[in-house]
């Protein structure tokens, strides 16, 4: 029971630090803190880490930490992947990385959800890869997200 409480306290500590983080140098210190506290495989903390990095325009740093060769990515969930995919899809220069992380997500057995597809389709539109967009559209239909208004709007944007 004590271990669970300590883990929860460590998790809350990291989340609070990430919430107030406003510069990349602090983010790097927090990342070291995450490792020190044994939370480097905690999806909640890692998702907040990725979101904070995205806000600080440091998504490359976050993805290098999260997807380093020694990372245990089998614990990662759709929410974490969506955070990284969204961050790259909203860049002007790295939309292909959004598509790469989508592939990593699917190959890793993490099922996309209705929040995944608008970001992936935005990436397809941004790089002008209509064939990949059609393939993703097929996946949208396969997984039953074709009726979602956000997915549909992004599909219209991609095809236009």
Protein backbone atom coordinates (compact mmCIF):
# COMPACT_ATOMS: atom_id res chain seq x y z
CA UNK A 1 0.00 0.00 0.00
CA UNK A 2 2.86 2.38 0.85
CA UNK A 3 4.45 1.84 -2.57
CA UNK A 4 1.21 2.79 -4.32
CA UNK A 5 0.92 5.98 -2.26
CA UNK A 6 4.55 6.92 -2.95
CA UNK A 7 4.10 6.24 -6.66
CA UNK A 8 0.94 8.34 -6.71
CA UNK A 9 2.73 11.17 -4.88
CA UNK A 10 5.64 11.02 -7.33
CA UNK A 11 3.22 11.03 -10.26
CA UNK A 12 1.35 14.05 -8.88
CA UNK A 13 4.65 15.85 -8.23
CA UNK A 14 5.75 15.38 -11.84
CA UNK A 15 2.37 16.41 -13.21
CA UNK A 16 2.42 19.58 -11.12
CA UNK A 17 5.93 20.45 -12.31
CA UNK A 18 4.95 19.85 -15.92
CA UNK A 19 1.87 22.03 -15.49
CA UNK A 20 3.98 25.06 -14.53
CA UNK A 21 6.91 24.35 -16.86
CA UNK A 22 7.53 27.28 -19.19
CA UNK A 23 10.98 26.71 -20.71
CA UNK A 24 12.78 23.76 -22.28
CA UNK A 25 15.62 23.85 -19.76
CA UNK A 26 13.10 23.17 -16.97
CA UNK A 27 11.49 20.45 -19.08
CA UNK A 28 14.84 18.69 -19.28
CA UNK A 29 15.21 18.88 -15.51
CA UNK A 30 11.71 17.48 -15.08
CA UNK A 31 12.55 14.65 -17.46
CA UNK A 32 15.50 13.74 -15.22
CA UNK A 33 13.15 13.89 -12.23
CA UNK A 34 10.72 11.53 -14.01
CA UNK A 35 13.53 9.01 -14.53
CA UNK A 36 14.79 9.38 -10.96
CA UNK A 37 11.32 8.72 -9.56
CA UNK A 38 10.88 5.62 -11.72
CA UNK A 39 8.07 7.07 -13.84
CA UNK A 40 9.67 6.75 -17.26
CA UNK A 41 7.01 4.21 -18.28
CA UNK A 42 4.02 5.97 -16.72
CA UNK A 43 1.63 6.84 -19.60
CA UNK A 44 -0.08 9.68 -17.71
CA UNK A 45 3.17 11.43 -16.85
CA UNK A 46 4.64 10.80 -20.29
CA UNK A 47 1.57 12.17 -22.04
CA UNK A 48 1.72 15.35 -19.95
CA UNK A 49 5.46 15.52 -20.70
CA UNK A 50 4.73 15.28 -24.44
CA UNK A 51 1.97 17.90 -24.24
CA UNK A 52 4.21 20.29 -22.34
CA UNK A 53 7.03 19.75 -24.83
CA UNK A 54 4.59 20.44 -27.66
CA UNK A 55 3.50 23.70 -26.02
CA UNK A 56 7.18 24.67 -25.74
CA UNK A 57 7.83 23.75 -29.41
CA UNK A 58 10.13 20.95 -28.24
CA UNK A 59 8.32 17.96 -29.70
CA UNK A 60 11.55 16.62 -31.25
CA UNK A 61 13.07 16.52 -27.78
CA UNK A 62 10.01 14.78 -26.34
CA UNK A 63 9.87 12.19 -29.10
CA UNK A 64 13.60 11.47 -28.72
CA UNK A 65 13.04 10.81 -25.01
CA UNK A 66 9.81 8.86 -25.39
CA UNK A 67 10.96 6.73 -28.30
CA UNK A 68 14.59 6.18 -27.42
CA UNK A 69 15.90 2.63 -27.95
CA UNK A 70 15.63 1.86 -24.22
CA UNK A 71 12.01 3.04 -23.90
CA UNK A 72 9.35 0.49 -23.04
CA UNK A 73 6.82 1.59 -25.65
CA UNK A 74 4.49 -1.39 -25.23
CA UNK A 75 2.91 0.52 -22.33
CA UNK A 76 2.09 3.53 -24.49
CA UNK A 77 -1.54 4.26 -25.26
CA UNK A 78 -3.49 6.07 -27.96
CA UNK A 79 -3.61 9.26 -25.92
CA UNK A 80 0.18 9.49 -25.77
CA UNK A 81 0.55 8.74 -29.47
CA UNK A 82 -2.18 11.26 -30.31
CA UNK A 83 -0.31 13.93 -28.37
CA UNK A 84 2.87 13.37 -30.38
CA UNK A 85 1.02 12.99 -33.69
CA UNK A 86 -0.95 16.20 -33.03
CA UNK A 87 2.20 18.11 -32.20
CA UNK A 88 3.90 17.10 -35.43
CA UNK A 89 0.75 17.58 -37.53
CA UNK A 90 0.58 21.19 -36.36
CA UNK A 91 4.15 22.00 -37.38
CA UNK A 92 4.95 23.66 -40.66
CA UNK A 93 8.03 21.54 -41.28
CA UNK A 94 7.60 18.07 -39.75
CA UNK A 95 4.20 16.73 -40.78
CA UNK A 96 5.86 13.56 -42.10
CA UNK A 97 6.86 12.74 -38.54
CA UNK A 98 3.18 12.73 -37.57
CA UNK A 99 2.63 10.07 -40.21
CA UNK A 100 5.68 8.12 -39.06
CA UNK A 101 4.41 8.05 -35.47
CA UNK A 102 0.98 6.93 -36.72
CA UNK A 103 2.71 3.97 -38.37
CA UNK A 104 4.64 3.23 -35.17
CA UNK A 105 1.36 3.37 -33.25
CA UNK A 106 -0.43 0.92 -35.54
CA UNK A 107 2.55 -1.44 -35.87
CA UNK A 108 2.89 -1.42 -32.09
CA UNK A 109 -0.66 -2.68 -31.73
CA UNK A 110 -2.12 0.55 -30.34
CA UNK A 111 -5.53 1.08 -31.89
CA UNK A 112 -6.20 4.56 -33.25
CA UNK A 113 -9.30 6.35 -32.03
CA UNK A 114 -11.49 9.17 -33.29
CA UNK A 115 -8.97 11.70 -31.99
CA UNK A 116 -6.10 10.13 -33.93
CA UNK A 117 -7.52 10.52 -37.40
CA UNK A 118 -7.95 14.30 -37.69
CA UNK A 119 -4.26 14.75 -36.86
CA UNK A 120 -3.11 12.00 -39.22
CA UNK A 121 -5.31 13.25 -42.04
CA UNK A 122 -4.00 16.78 -41.47
CA UNK A 123 -0.50 15.37 -41.84
CA UNK A 124 -1.48 13.61 -45.08
CA UNK A 125 -2.93 16.84 -46.45
CA UNK A 126 0.10 18.82 -45.32
CA UNK A 127 2.56 16.62 -47.19
CA UNK A 128 0.27 16.14 -50.17
CA UNK A 129 0.24 12.34 -49.89
CA UNK A 130 -3.20 11.54 -51.29
CA UNK A 131 -2.50 7.80 -51.55
CA UNK A 132 -1.63 7.60 -47.87
CA UNK A 133 -4.67 9.75 -47.13
CA UNK A 134 -6.88 7.27 -49.00
CA UNK A 135 -5.34 4.43 -47.02
CA UNK A 136 -5.99 6.26 -43.75
CA UNK A 137 -9.53 6.96 -44.94
CA UNK A 138 -9.96 3.20 -45.35
CA UNK A 139 -8.76 2.74 -41.79
CA UNK A 140 -11.28 5.35 -40.63
CA UNK A 141 -14.08 3.33 -42.22
CA UNK A 142 -12.68 0.00 -40.98
CA UNK A 143 -12.61 1.16 -37.36
CA UNK A 144 -16.01 2.85 -37.55
CA UNK A 145 -15.04 6.52 -37.23
CA UNK A 146 -16.52 7.64 -40.56
CA UNK A 147 -19.47 9.31 -38.87
CA UNK A 148 -17.41 11.45 -36.51
CA UNK A 149 -17.84 15.12 -37.45
CA UNK A 150 -14.19 16.03 -36.80
CA UNK A 151 -12.94 13.11 -38.85
CA UNK A 152 -15.33 13.97 -41.69
CA UNK A 153 -14.29 17.63 -41.69
CA UNK A 154 -10.63 16.66 -41.85
CA UNK A 155 -11.35 14.22 -44.68
CA UNK A 156 -12.99 17.07 -46.65
CA UNK A 157 -9.95 19.25 -45.98
CA UNK A 158 -7.59 16.49 -47.12
CA UNK A 159 -9.43 15.80 -50.35
CA UNK A 160 -9.79 19.49 -51.27
